[in-house]
PDBML (XML) file of the C-alpha atoms, coordinates in Angstrom:
<?xml version="1.0" encoding="UTF-8" ?>
<PDBx:datablock datablockName="MODEL"
   xmlns:PDBx="http://pdbml.pdb.org/schema/pdbx-v50.xsd"
   xmlns:xsi="http://www.w3.org/2001/XMLSchema-instance"
   xsi:schemaLocation="http://pdbml.pdb.org/schema/pdbx-v50.xsd pdbx-v50.xsd">
   <PDBx:atom_siteCategory>
      <PDBx:atom_site id="1">
         <PDBx:B_iso_or_equiv>0.00</PDBx:B_iso_or_equiv>
         <PDBx:Cartn_x>51.012</PDBx:Cartn_x>
         <PDBx:Cartn_y>-33.494</PDBx:Cartn_y>
         <PDBx:Cartn_z>16.924</PDBx:Cartn_z>
         <PDBx:auth_asym_id>A</PDBx:auth_asym_id>
         <PDBx:auth_atom_id>CA</PDBx:auth_atom_id>
         <PDBx:auth_comp_id>ARG</PDBx:auth_comp_id>
         <PDBx:auth_seq_id>1</PDBx:auth_seq_id>
         <PDBx:group_PDB>ATOM</PDBx:group_PDB>
         <PDBx:label_alt_id xsi:nil="true" />
         <PDBx:label_asym_id>A</PDBx:label_asym_id>
         <PDBx:label_atom_id>CA</PDBx:label_atom_id>
         <PDBx:label_comp_id>ARG</PDBx:label_comp_id>
         <PDBx:label_entity_id>1</PDBx:label_entity_id>
         <PDBx:label_seq_id>1</PDBx:label_seq_id>
         <PDBx:occupancy>1.00</PDBx:occupancy>
         <PDBx:pdbx_PDB_model_num>1</PDBx:pdbx_PDB_model_num>
         <PDBx:type_symbol>C</PDBx:type_symbol>
      </PDBx:atom_site>
      <PDBx:atom_site id="2">
         <PDBx:B_iso_or_equiv>0.00</PDBx:B_iso_or_equiv>
         <PDBx:Cartn_x>51.706</PDBx:Cartn_x>
         <PDBx:Cartn_y>-32.644</PDBx:Cartn_y>
         <PDBx:Cartn_z>20.582</PDBx:Cartn_z>
         <PDBx:auth_asym_id>A</PDBx:auth_asym_id>
         <PDBx:auth_atom_id>CA</PDBx:auth_atom_id>
         <PDBx:auth_comp_id>PRO</PDBx:auth_comp_id>
         <PDBx:auth_seq_id>2</PDBx:auth_seq_id>
         <PDBx:group_PDB>ATOM</PDBx:group_PDB>
         <PDBx:label_alt_id xsi:nil="true" />
         <PDBx:label_asym_id>A</PDBx:label_asym_id>
         <PDBx:label_atom_id>CA</PDBx:label_atom_id>
         <PDBx:label_comp_id>PRO</PDBx:label_comp_id>
         <PDBx:label_entity_id>1</PDBx:label_entity_id>
         <PDBx:label_seq_id>2</PDBx:label_seq_id>
         <PDBx:occupancy>1.00</PDBx:occupancy>
         <PDBx:pdbx_PDB_model_num>1</PDBx:pdbx_PDB_model_num>
         <PDBx:type_symbol>C</PDBx:type_symbol>
      </PDBx:atom_site>
      <PDBx:atom_site id="3">
         <PDBx:B_iso_or_equiv>0.00</PDBx:B_iso_or_equiv>
         <PDBx:Cartn_x>48.912</PDBx:Cartn_x>
         <PDBx:Cartn_y>-30.611</PDBx:Cartn_y>
         <PDBx:Cartn_z>22.093</PDBx:Cartn_z>
         <PDBx:auth_asym_id>A</PDBx:auth_asym_id>
         <PDBx:auth_atom_id>CA</PDBx:auth_atom_id>
         <PDBx:auth_comp_id>LEU</PDBx:auth_comp_id>
         <PDBx:auth_seq_id>3</PDBx:auth_seq_id>
         <PDBx:group_PDB>ATOM</PDBx:group_PDB>
         <PDBx:label_alt_id xsi:nil="true" />
         <PDBx:label_asym_id>A</PDBx:label_asym_id>
         <PDBx:label_atom_id>CA</PDBx:label_atom_id>
         <PDBx:label_comp_id>LEU</PDBx:label_comp_id>
         <PDBx:label_entity_id>1</PDBx:label_entity_id>
         <PDBx:label_seq_id>3</PDBx:label_seq_id>
         <PDBx:occupancy>1.00</PDBx:occupancy>
         <PDBx:pdbx_PDB_model_num>1</PDBx:pdbx_PDB_model_num>
         <PDBx:type_symbol>C</PDBx:type_symbol>
      </PDBx:atom_site>
      <PDBx:atom_site id="4">
         <PDBx:B_iso_or_equiv>0.00</PDBx:B_iso_or_equiv>
         <PDBx:Cartn_x>49.334</PDBx:Cartn_x>
         <PDBx:Cartn_y>-27.427</PDBx:Cartn_y>
         <PDBx:Cartn_z>24.081</PDBx:Cartn_z>
         <PDBx:auth_asym_id>A</PDBx:auth_asym_id>
         <PDBx:auth_atom_id>CA</PDBx:auth_atom_id>
         <PDBx:auth_comp_id>ASP</PDBx:auth_comp_id>
         <PDBx:auth_seq_id>4</PDBx:auth_seq_id>
         <PDBx:group_PDB>ATOM</PDBx:group_PDB>
         <PDBx:label_alt_id xsi:nil="true" />
         <PDBx:label_asym_id>A</PDBx:label_asym_id>
         <PDBx:label_atom_id>CA</PDBx:label_atom_id>
         <PDBx:label_comp_id>ASP</PDBx:label_comp_id>
         <PDBx:label_entity_id>1</PDBx:label_entity_id>
         <PDBx:label_seq_id>4</PDBx:label_seq_id>
         <PDBx:occupancy>1.00</PDBx:occupancy>
         <PDBx:pdbx_PDB_model_num>1</PDBx:pdbx_PDB_model_num>
         <PDBx:type_symbol>C</PDBx:type_symbol>
      </PDBx:atom_site>
      <PDBx:atom_site id="5">
         <PDBx:B_iso_or_equiv>0.00</PDBx:B_iso_or_equiv>
         <PDBx:Cartn_x>48.112</PDBx:Cartn_x>
         <PDBx:Cartn_y>-28.326</PDBx:Cartn_y>
         <PDBx:Cartn_z>27.538</PDBx:Cartn_z>
         <PDBx:auth_asym_id>A</PDBx:auth_asym_id>
         <PDBx:auth_atom_id>CA</PDBx:auth_atom_id>
         <PDBx:auth_comp_id>ARG</PDBx:auth_comp_id>
         <PDBx:auth_seq_id>5</PDBx:auth_seq_id>
         <PDBx:group_PDB>ATOM</PDBx:group_PDB>
         <PDBx:label_alt_id xsi:nil="true" />
         <PDBx:label_asym_id>A</PDBx:label_asym_id>
         <PDBx:label_atom_id>CA</PDBx:label_atom_id>
         <PDBx:label_comp_id>ARG</PDBx:label_comp_id>
         <PDBx:label_entity_id>1</PDBx:label_entity_id>
         <PDBx:label_seq_id>5</PDBx:label_seq_id>
         <PDBx:occupancy>1.00</PDBx:occupancy>
         <PDBx:pdbx_PDB_model_num>1</PDBx:pdbx_PDB_model_num>
         <PDBx:type_symbol>C</PDBx:type_symbol>
      </PDBx:atom_site>
      <PDBx:atom_site id="6">
         <PDBx:B_iso_or_equiv>0.00</PDBx:B_iso_or_equiv>
         <PDBx:Cartn_x>48.663</PDBx:Cartn_x>
         <PDBx:Cartn_y>-24.898</PDBx:Cartn_y>
         <PDBx:Cartn_z>29.031</PDBx:Cartn_z>
         <PDBx:auth_asym_id>A</PDBx:auth_asym_id>
         <PDBx:auth_atom_id>CA</PDBx:auth_atom_id>
         <PDBx:auth_comp_id>SER</PDBx:auth_comp_id>
         <PDBx:auth_seq_id>6</PDBx:auth_seq_id>
         <PDBx:group_PDB>ATOM</PDBx:group_PDB>
         <PDBx:label_alt_id xsi:nil="true" />
         <PDBx:label_asym_id>A</PDBx:label_asym_id>
         <PDBx:label_atom_id>CA</PDBx:label_atom_id>
         <PDBx:label_comp_id>SER</PDBx:label_comp_id>
         <PDBx:label_entity_id>1</PDBx:label_entity_id>
         <PDBx:label_seq_id>6</PDBx:label_seq_id>
         <PDBx:occupancy>1.00</PDBx:occupancy>
         <PDBx:pdbx_PDB_model_num>1</PDBx:pdbx_PDB_model_num>
         <PDBx:type_symbol>C</PDBx:type_symbol>
      </PDBx:atom_site>
      <PDBx:atom_site id="7">
         <PDBx:B_iso_or_equiv>0.00</PDBx:B_iso_or_equiv>
         <PDBx:Cartn_x>45.654</PDBx:Cartn_x>
         <PDBx:Cartn_y>-23.051</PDBx:Cartn_y>
         <PDBx:Cartn_z>30.449</PDBx:Cartn_z>
         <PDBx:auth_asym_id>A</PDBx:auth_asym_id>
         <PDBx:auth_atom_id>CA</PDBx:auth_atom_id>
         <PDBx:auth_comp_id>PRO</PDBx:auth_comp_id>
         <PDBx:auth_seq_id>7</PDBx:auth_seq_id>
         <PDBx:group_PDB>ATOM</PDBx:group_PDB>
         <PDBx:label_alt_id xsi:nil="true" />
         <PDBx:label_asym_id>A</PDBx:label_asym_id>
         <PDBx:label_atom_id>CA</PDBx:label_atom_id>
         <PDBx:label_comp_id>PRO</PDBx:label_comp_id>
         <PDBx:label_entity_id>1</PDBx:label_entity_id>
         <PDBx:label_seq_id>7</PDBx:label_seq_id>
         <PDBx:occupancy>1.00</PDBx:occupancy>
         <PDBx:pdbx_PDB_model_num>1</PDBx:pdbx_PDB_model_num>
         <PDBx:type_symbol>C</PDBx:type_symbol>
      </PDBx:atom_site>
      <PDBx:atom_site id="8">
         <PDBx:B_iso_or_equiv>0.00</PDBx:B_iso_or_equiv>
         <PDBx:Cartn_x>45.686</PDBx:Cartn_x>
         <PDBx:Cartn_y>-20.918</PDBx:Cartn_y>
         <PDBx:Cartn_z>27.318</PDBx:Cartn_z>
         <PDBx:auth_asym_id>A</PDBx:auth_asym_id>
         <PDBx:auth_atom_id>CA</PDBx:auth_atom_id>
         <PDBx:auth_comp_id>GLU</PDBx:auth_comp_id>
         <PDBx:auth_seq_id>8</PDBx:auth_seq_id>
         <PDBx:group_PDB>ATOM</PDBx:group_PDB>
         <PDBx:label_alt_id xsi:nil="true" />
         <PDBx:label_asym_id>A</PDBx:label_asym_id>
         <PDBx:label_atom_id>CA</PDBx:label_atom_id>
         <PDBx:label_comp_id>GLU</PDBx:label_comp_id>
         <PDBx:label_entity_id>1</PDBx:label_entity_id>
         <PDBx:label_seq_id>8</PDBx:label_seq_id>
         <PDBx:occupancy>1.00</PDBx:occupancy>
         <PDBx:pdbx_PDB_model_num>1</PDBx:pdbx_PDB_model_num>
         <PDBx:type_symbol>C</PDBx:type_symbol>
      </PDBx:atom_site>
      <PDBx:atom_site id="9">
         <PDBx:B_iso_or_equiv>0.00</PDBx:B_iso_or_equiv>
         <PDBx:Cartn_x>45.614</PDBx:Cartn_x>
         <PDBx:Cartn_y>-23.920</PDBx:Cartn_y>
         <PDBx:Cartn_z>24.987</PDBx:Cartn_z>
         <PDBx:auth_asym_id>A</PDBx:auth_asym_id>
         <PDBx:auth_atom_id>CA</PDBx:auth_atom_id>
         <PDBx:auth_comp_id>GLY</PDBx:auth_comp_id>
         <PDBx:auth_seq_id>9</PDBx:auth_seq_id>
         <PDBx:group_PDB>ATOM</PDBx:group_PDB>
         <PDBx:label_alt_id xsi:nil="true" />
         <PDBx:label_asym_id>A</PDBx:label_asym_id>
         <PDBx:label_atom_id>CA</PDBx:label_atom_id>
         <PDBx:label_comp_id>GLY</PDBx:label_comp_id>
         <PDBx:label_entity_id>1</PDBx:label_entity_id>
         <PDBx:label_seq_id>9</PDBx:label_seq_id>
         <PDBx:occupancy>1.00</PDBx:occupancy>
         <PDBx:pdbx_PDB_model_num>1</PDBx:pdbx_PDB_model_num>
         <PDBx:type_symbol>C</PDBx:type_symbol>
      </PDBx:atom_site>
      <PDBx:atom_site id="10">
         <PDBx:B_iso_or_equiv>0.00</PDBx:B_iso_or_equiv>
         <PDBx:Cartn_x>43.327</PDBx:Cartn_x>
         <PDBx:Cartn_y>-26.276</PDBx:Cartn_y>
         <PDBx:Cartn_z>26.880</PDBx:Cartn_z>
         <PDBx:auth_asym_id>A</PDBx:auth_asym_id>
         <PDBx:auth_atom_id>CA</PDBx:auth_atom_id>
         <PDBx:auth_comp_id>ALA</PDBx:auth_comp_id>
         <PDBx:auth_seq_id>10</PDBx:auth_seq_id>
         <PDBx:group_PDB>ATOM</PDBx:group_PDB>
         <PDBx:label_alt_id xsi:nil="true" />
         <PDBx:label_asym_id>A</PDBx:label_asym_id>
         <PDBx:label_atom_id>CA</PDBx:label_atom_id>
         <PDBx:label_comp_id>ALA</PDBx:label_comp_id>
         <PDBx:label_entity_id>1</PDBx:label_entity_id>
         <PDBx:label_seq_id>10</PDBx:label_seq_id>
         <PDBx:occupancy>1.00</PDBx:occupancy>
         <PDBx:pdbx_PDB_model_num>1</PDBx:pdbx_PDB_model_num>
         <PDBx:type_symbol>C</PDBx:type_symbol>
      </PDBx:atom_site>
      <PDBx:atom_site id="11">
         <PDBx:B_iso_or_equiv>0.00</PDBx:B_iso_or_equiv>
         <PDBx:Cartn_x>39.654</PDBx:Cartn_x>
         <PDBx:Cartn_y>-26.683</PDBx:Cartn_y>
         <PDBx:Cartn_z>26.211</PDBx:Cartn_z>
         <PDBx:auth_asym_id>A</PDBx:auth_asym_id>
         <PDBx:auth_atom_id>CA</PDBx:auth_atom_id>
         <PDBx:auth_comp_id>ALA</PDBx:auth_comp_id>
         <PDBx:auth_seq_id>11</PDBx:auth_seq_id>
         <PDBx:group_PDB>ATOM</PDBx:group_PDB>
         <PDBx:label_alt_id xsi:nil="true" />
         <PDBx:label_asym_id>A</PDBx:label_asym_id>
         <PDBx:label_atom_id>CA</PDBx:label_atom_id>
         <PDBx:label_comp_id>ALA</PDBx:label_comp_id>
         <PDBx:label_entity_id>1</PDBx:label_entity_id>
         <PDBx:label_seq_id>11</PDBx:label_seq_id>
         <PDBx:occupancy>1.00</PDBx:occupancy>
         <PDBx:pdbx_PDB_model_num>1</PDBx:pdbx_PDB_model_num>
         <PDBx:type_symbol>C</PDBx:type_symbol>
      </PDBx:atom_site>
      <PDBx:atom_site id="12">
         <PDBx:B_iso_or_equiv>0.00</PDBx:B_iso_or_equiv>
         <PDBx:Cartn_x>38.905</PDBx:Cartn_x>
         <PDBx:Cartn_y>-30.336</PDBx:Cartn_y>
         <PDBx:Cartn_z>26.545</PDBx:Cartn_z>
         <PDBx:auth_asym_id>A</PDBx:auth_asym_id>
         <PDBx:auth_atom_id>CA</PDBx:auth_atom_id>
         <PDBx:auth_comp_id>TRP</PDBx:auth_comp_id>
         <PDBx:auth_seq_id>12</PDBx:auth_seq_id>
         <PDBx:group_PDB>ATOM</PDBx:group_PDB>
         <PDBx:label_alt_id xsi:nil="true" />
         <PDBx:label_asym_id>A</PDBx:label_asym_id>
         <PDBx:label_atom_id>CA</PDBx:label_atom_id>
         <PDBx:label_comp_id>TRP</PDBx:label_comp_id>
         <PDBx:label_entity_id>1</PDBx:label_entity_id>
         <PDBx:label_seq_id>12</PDBx:label_seq_id>
         <PDBx:occupancy>1.00</PDBx:occupancy>
         <PDBx:pdbx_PDB_model_num>1</PDBx:pdbx_PDB_model_num>
         <PDBx:type_symbol>C</PDBx:type_symbol>
      </PDBx:atom_site>
      <PDBx:atom_site id="13">
         <PDBx:B_iso_or_equiv>0.00</PDBx:B_iso_or_equiv>
         <PDBx:Cartn_x>35.492</PDBx:Cartn_x>
         <PDBx:Cartn_y>-31.115</PDBx:Cartn_y>
         <PDBx:Cartn_z>27.630</PDBx:Cartn_z>
         <PDBx:auth_asym_id>A</PDBx:auth_asym_id>
         <PDBx:auth_atom_id>CA</PDBx:auth_atom_id>
         <PDBx:auth_comp_id>ALA</PDBx:auth_comp_id>
         <PDBx:auth_seq_id>13</PDBx:auth_seq_id>
         <PDBx:group_PDB>ATOM</PDBx:group_PDB>
         <PDBx:label_alt_id xsi:nil="true" />
         <PDBx:label_asym_id>A</PDBx:label_asym_id>
         <PDBx:label_atom_id>CA</PDBx:label_atom_id>
         <PDBx:label_comp_id>ALA</PDBx:label_comp_id>
         <PDBx:label_entity_id>1</PDBx:label_entity_id>
         <PDBx:label_seq_id>13</PDBx:label_seq_id>
         <PDBx:occupancy>1.00</PDBx:occupancy>
         <PDBx:pdbx_PDB_model_num>1</PDBx:pdbx_PDB_model_num>
         <PDBx:type_symbol>C</PDBx:type_symbol>
      </PDBx:atom_site>
      <PDBx:atom_site id="14">
         <PDBx:B_iso_or_equiv>0.00</PDBx:B_iso_or_equiv>
         <PDBx:Cartn_x>32.129</PDBx:Cartn_x>
         <PDBx:Cartn_y>-31.007</PDBx:Cartn_y>
         <PDBx:Cartn_z>26.042</PDBx:Cartn_z>
         <PDBx:auth_asym_id>A</PDBx:auth_asym_id>
         <PDBx:auth_atom_id>CA</PDBx:auth_atom_id>
         <PDBx:auth_comp_id>VAL</PDBx:auth_comp_id>
         <PDBx:auth_seq_id>14</PDBx:auth_seq_id>
         <PDBx:group_PDB>ATOM</PDBx:group_PDB>
         <PDBx:label_alt_id xsi:nil="true" />
         <PDBx:label_asym_id>A</PDBx:label_asym_id>
         <PDBx:label_atom_id>CA</PDBx:label_atom_id>
         <PDBx:label_comp_id>VAL</PDBx:label_comp_id>
         <PDBx:label_entity_id>1</PDBx:label_entity_id>
         <PDBx:label_seq_id>14</PDBx:label_seq_id>
         <PDBx:occupancy>1.00</PDBx:occupancy>
         <PDBx:pdbx_PDB_model_num>1</PDBx:pdbx_PDB_model_num>
         <PDBx:type_symbol>C</PDBx:type_symbol>
      </PDBx:atom_site>
      <PDBx:atom_site id="15">
         <PDBx:B_iso_or_equiv>0.00</PDBx:B_iso_or_equiv>
         <PDBx:Cartn_x>30.424</PDBx:Cartn_x>
         <PDBx:Cartn_y>-28.064</PDBx:Cartn_y>
         <PDBx:Cartn_z>27.753</PDBx:Cartn_z>
         <PDBx:auth_asym_id>A</PDBx:auth_asym_id>
         <PDBx:auth_atom_id>CA</PDBx:auth_atom_id>
         <PDBx:auth_comp_id>PRO</PDBx:auth_comp_id>
         <PDBx:auth_seq_id>15</PDBx:auth_seq_id>
         <PDBx:group_PDB>ATOM</PDBx:group_PDB>
         <PDBx:label_alt_id xsi:nil="true" />
         <PDBx:label_asym_id>A</PDBx:label_asym_id>
         <PDBx:label_atom_id>CA</PDBx:label_atom_id>
         <PDBx:label_comp_id>PRO</PDBx:label_comp_id>
         <PDBx:label_entity_id>1</PDBx:label_entity_id>
         <PDBx:label_seq_id>15</PDBx:label_seq_id>
         <PDBx:occupancy>1.00</PDBx:occupancy>
         <PDBx:pdbx_PDB_model_num>1</PDBx:pdbx_PDB_model_num>
         <PDBx:type_symbol>C</PDBx:type_symbol>
      </PDBx:atom_site>
      <PDBx:atom_site id="16">
         <PDBx:B_iso_or_equiv>0.00</PDBx:B_iso_or_equiv>
         <PDBx:Cartn_x>27.670</PDBx:Cartn_x>
         <PDBx:Cartn_y>-28.497</PDBx:Cartn_y>
         <PDBx:Cartn_z>30.286</PDBx:Cartn_z>
         <PDBx:auth_asym_id>A</PDBx:auth_asym_id>
         <PDBx:auth_atom_id>CA</PDBx:auth_atom_id>
         <PDBx:auth_comp_id>ALA</PDBx:auth_comp_id>
         <PDBx:auth_seq_id>16</PDBx:auth_seq_id>
         <PDBx:group_PDB>ATOM</PDBx:group_PDB>
         <PDBx:label_alt_id xsi:nil="true" />
         <PDBx:label_asym_id>A</PDBx:label_asym_id>
         <PDBx:label_atom_id>CA</PDBx:label_atom_id>
         <PDBx:label_comp_id>ALA</PDBx:label_comp_id>
         <PDBx:label_entity_id>1</PDBx:label_entity_id>
         <PDBx:label_seq_id>16</PDBx:label_seq_id>
         <PDBx:occupancy>1.00</PDBx:occupancy>
         <PDBx:pdbx_PDB_model_num>1</PDBx:pdbx_PDB_model_num>
         <PDBx:type_symbol>C</PDBx:type_symbol>
      </PDBx:atom_site>
      <PDBx:atom_site id="17">
         <PDBx:B_iso_or_equiv>0.00</PDBx:B_iso_or_equiv>
         <PDBx:Cartn_x>24.344</PDBx:Cartn_x>
         <PDBx:Cartn_y>-28.793</PDBx:Cartn_y>
         <PDBx:Cartn_z>28.539</PDBx:Cartn_z>
         <PDBx:auth_asym_id>A</PDBx:auth_asym_id>
         <PDBx:auth_atom_id>CA</PDBx:auth_atom_id>
         <PDBx:auth_comp_id>GLY</PDBx:auth_comp_id>
         <PDBx:auth_seq_id>17</PDBx:auth_seq_id>
         <PDBx:group_PDB>ATOM</PDBx:group_PDB>
         <PDBx:label_alt_id xsi:nil="true" />
         <PDBx:label_asym_id>A</PDBx:label_asym_id>
         <PDBx:label_atom_id>CA</PDBx:label_atom_id>
         <PDBx:label_comp_id>GLY</PDBx:label_comp_id>
         <PDBx:label_entity_id>1</PDBx:label_entity_id>
         <PDBx:label_seq_id>17</PDBx:label_seq_id>
         <PDBx:occupancy>1.00</PDBx:occupancy>
         <PDBx:pdbx_PDB_model_num>1</PDBx:pdbx_PDB_model_num>
         <PDBx:type_symbol>C</PDBx:type_symbol>
      </PDBx:atom_site>
      <PDBx:atom_site id="18">
         <PDBx:B_iso_or_equiv>0.00</PDBx:B_iso_or_equiv>
         <PDBx:Cartn_x>21.944</PDBx:Cartn_x>
         <PDBx:Cartn_y>-26.614</PDBx:Cartn_y>
         <PDBx:Cartn_z>30.494</PDBx:Cartn_z>
         <PDBx:auth_asym_id>A</PDBx:auth_asym_id>
         <PDBx:auth_atom_id>CA</PDBx:auth_atom_id>
         <PDBx:auth_comp_id>ARG</PDBx:auth_comp_id>
         <PDBx:auth_seq_id>18</PDBx:auth_seq_id>
         <PDBx:group_PDB>ATOM</PDBx:group_PDB>
         <PDBx:label_alt_id xsi:nil="true" />
         <PDBx:label_asym_id>A</PDBx:label_asym_id>
         <PDBx:label_atom_id>CA</PDBx:label_atom_id>
         <PDBx:label_comp_id>ARG</PDBx:label_comp_id>
         <PDBx:label_entity_id>1</PDBx:label_entity_id>
         <PDBx:label_seq_id>18</PDBx:label_seq_id>
         <PDBx:occupancy>1.00</PDBx:occupancy>
         <PDBx:pdbx_PDB_model_num>1</PDBx:pdbx_PDB_model_num>
         <PDBx:type_symbol>C</PDBx:type_symbol>
      </PDBx:atom_site>
      <PDBx:atom_site id="19">
         <PDBx:B_iso_or_equiv>0.00</PDBx:B_iso_or_equiv>
         <PDBx:Cartn_x>22.968</PDBx:Cartn_x>
         <PDBx:Cartn_y>-23.263</PDBx:Cartn_y>
         <PDBx:Cartn_z>31.831</PDBx:Cartn_z>
         <PDBx:auth_asym_id>A</PDBx:auth_asym_id>
         <PDBx:auth_atom_id>CA</PDBx:auth_atom_id>
         <PDBx:auth_comp_id>ALA</PDBx:auth_comp_id>
         <PDBx:auth_seq_id>19</PDBx:auth_seq_id>
         <PDBx:group_PDB>ATOM</PDBx:group_PDB>
         <PDBx:label_alt_id xsi:nil="true" />
         <PDBx:label_asym_id>A</PDBx:label_asym_id>
         <PDBx:label_atom_id>CA</PDBx:label_atom_id>
         <PDBx:label_comp_id>ALA</PDBx:label_comp_id>
         <PDBx:label_entity_id>1</PDBx:label_entity_id>
         <PDBx:label_seq_id>19</PDBx:label_seq_id>
         <PDBx:occupancy>1.00</PDBx:occupancy>
         <PDBx:pdbx_PDB_model_num>1</PDBx:pdbx_PDB_model_num>
         <PDBx:type_symbol>C</PDBx:type_symbol>
      </PDBx:atom_site>
      <PDBx:atom_site id="20">
         <PDBx:B_iso_or_equiv>0.00</PDBx:B_iso_or_equiv>
         <PDBx:Cartn_x>24.177</PDBx:Cartn_x>
         <PDBx:Cartn_y>-23.615</PDBx:Cartn_y>
         <PDBx:Cartn_z>35.424</PDBx:Cartn_z>
         <PDBx:auth_asym_id>A</PDBx:auth_asym_id>
         <PDBx:auth_atom_id>CA</PDBx:auth_atom_id>
         <PDBx:auth_comp_id>ARG</PDBx:auth_comp_id>
         <PDBx:auth_seq_id>20</PDBx:auth_seq_id>
         <PDBx:group_PDB>ATOM</PDBx:group_PDB>
         <PDBx:label_alt_id xsi:nil="true" />
         <PDBx:label_asym_id>A</PDBx:label_asym_id>
         <PDBx:label_atom_id>CA</PDBx:label_atom_id>
         <PDBx:label_comp_id>ARG</PDBx:label_comp_id>
         <PDBx:label_entity_id>1</PDBx:label_entity_id>
         <PDBx:label_seq_id>20</PDBx:label_seq_id>
         <PDBx:occupancy>1.00</PDBx:occupancy>
         <PDBx:pdbx_PDB_model_num>1</PDBx:pdbx_PDB_model_num>
         <PDBx:type_symbol>C</PDBx:type_symbol>
      </PDBx:atom_site>
      <PDBx:atom_site id="21">
         <PDBx:B_iso_or_equiv>0.00</PDBx:B_iso_or_equiv>
         <PDBx:Cartn_x>25.792</PDBx:Cartn_x>
         <PDBx:Cartn_y>-20.265</PDBx:Cartn_y>
         <PDBx:Cartn_z>35.970</PDBx:Cartn_z>
         <PDBx:auth_asym_id>A</PDBx:auth_asym_id>
         <PDBx:auth_atom_id>CA</PDBx:auth_atom_id>
         <PDBx:auth_comp_id>ALA</PDBx:auth_comp_id>
         <PDBx:auth_seq_id>21</PDBx:auth_seq_id>
         <PDBx:group_PDB>ATOM</PDBx:group_PDB>
         <PDBx:label_alt_id xsi:nil="true" />
         <PDBx:label_asym_id>A</PDBx:label_asym_id>
         <PDBx:label_atom_id>CA</PDBx:label_atom_id>
         <PDBx:label_comp_id>ALA</PDBx:label_comp_id>
         <PDBx:label_entity_id>1</PDBx:label_entity_id>
         <PDBx:label_seq_id>21</PDBx:label_seq_id>
         <PDBx:occupancy>1.00</PDBx:occupancy>
         <PDBx:pdbx_PDB_model_num>1</PDBx:pdbx_PDB_model_num>
         <PDBx:type_symbol>C</PDBx:type_symbol>
      </PDBx:atom_site>
      <PDBx:atom_site id="22">
         <PDBx:B_iso_or_equiv>0.00</PDBx:B_iso_or_equiv>
         <PDBx:Cartn_x>24.194</PDBx:Cartn_x>
         <PDBx:Cartn_y>-20.150</PDBx:Cartn_y>
         <PDBx:Cartn_z>39.387</PDBx:Cartn_z>
         <PDBx:auth_asym_id>A</PDBx:auth_asym_id>
         <PDBx:auth_atom_id>CA</PDBx:auth_atom_id>
         <PDBx:auth_comp_id>SER</PDBx:auth_comp_id>
         <PDBx:auth_seq_id>22</PDBx:auth_seq_id>
         <PDBx:group_PDB>ATOM</PDBx:group_PDB>
         <PDBx:label_alt_id xsi:nil="true" />
         <PDBx:label_asym_id>A</PDBx:label_asym_id>
         <PDBx:label_atom_id>CA</PDBx:label_atom_id>
         <PDBx:label_comp_id>SER</PDBx:label_comp_id>
         <PDBx:label_entity_id>1</PDBx:label_entity_id>
         <PDBx:label_seq_id>22</PDBx:label_seq_id>
         <PDBx:occupancy>1.00</PDBx:occupancy>
         <PDBx:pdbx_PDB_model_num>1</PDBx:pdbx_PDB_model_num>
         <PDBx:type_symbol>C</PDBx:type_symbol>
      </PDBx:atom_site>
      <PDBx:atom_site id="23">
         <PDBx:B_iso_or_equiv>0.00</PDBx:B_iso_or_equiv>
         <PDBx:Cartn_x>26.371</PDBx:Cartn_x>
         <PDBx:Cartn_y>-23.143</PDBx:Cartn_y>
         <PDBx:Cartn_z>40.321</PDBx:Cartn_z>
         <PDBx:auth_asym_id>A</PDBx:auth_asym_id>
         <PDBx:auth_atom_id>CA</PDBx:auth_atom_id>
         <PDBx:auth_comp_id>GLN</PDBx:auth_comp_id>
         <PDBx:auth_seq_id>23</PDBx:auth_seq_id>
         <PDBx:group_PDB>ATOM</PDBx:group_PDB>
         <PDBx:label_alt_id xsi:nil="true" />
         <PDBx:label_asym_id>A</PDBx:label_asym_id>
         <PDBx:label_atom_id>CA</PDBx:label_atom_id>
         <PDBx:label_comp_id>GLN</PDBx:label_comp_id>
         <PDBx:label_entity_id>1</PDBx:label_entity_id>
         <PDBx:label_seq_id>23</PDBx:label_seq_id>
         <PDBx:occupancy>1.00</PDBx:occupancy>
         <PDBx:pdbx_PDB_model_num>1</PDBx:pdbx_PDB_model_num>
         <PDBx:type_symbol>C</PDBx:type_symbol>
      </PDBx:atom_site>
      <PDBx:atom_site id="24">
         <PDBx:B_iso_or_equiv>0.00</PDBx:B_iso_or_equiv>
         <PDBx:Cartn_x>29.693</PDBx:Cartn_x>
         <PDBx:Cartn_y>-21.737</PDBx:Cartn_y>
         <PDBx:Cartn_z>39.185</PDBx:Cartn_z>
         <PDBx:auth_asym_id>A</PDBx:auth_asym_id>
         <PDBx:auth_atom_id>CA</PDBx:auth_atom_id>
         <PDBx:auth_comp_id>GLY</PDBx:auth_comp_id>
         <PDBx:auth_seq_id>24</PDBx:auth_seq_id>
         <PDBx:group_PDB>ATOM</PDBx:group_PDB>
         <PDBx:label_alt_id xsi:nil="true" />
         <PDBx:label_asym_id>A</PDBx:label_asym_id>
         <PDBx:label_atom_id>CA</PDBx:label_atom_id>
         <PDBx:label_comp_id>GLY</PDBx:label_comp_id>
         <PDBx:label_entity_id>1</PDBx:label_entity_id>
         <PDBx:label_seq_id>24</PDBx:label_seq_id>
         <PDBx:occupancy>1.00</PDBx:occupancy>
         <PDBx:pdbx_PDB_model_num>1</PDBx:pdbx_PDB_model_num>
         <PDBx:type_symbol>C</PDBx:type_symbol>
      </PDBx:atom_site>
   </PDBx:atom_siteCategory>
</PDBx:datablock>
């Protein structure tokens, strides 16, 4: 099926592993 590529429907990537909140 077509995928919602809007900001609300997008969540593509595997998240960063270690916490890097200090770097955005």
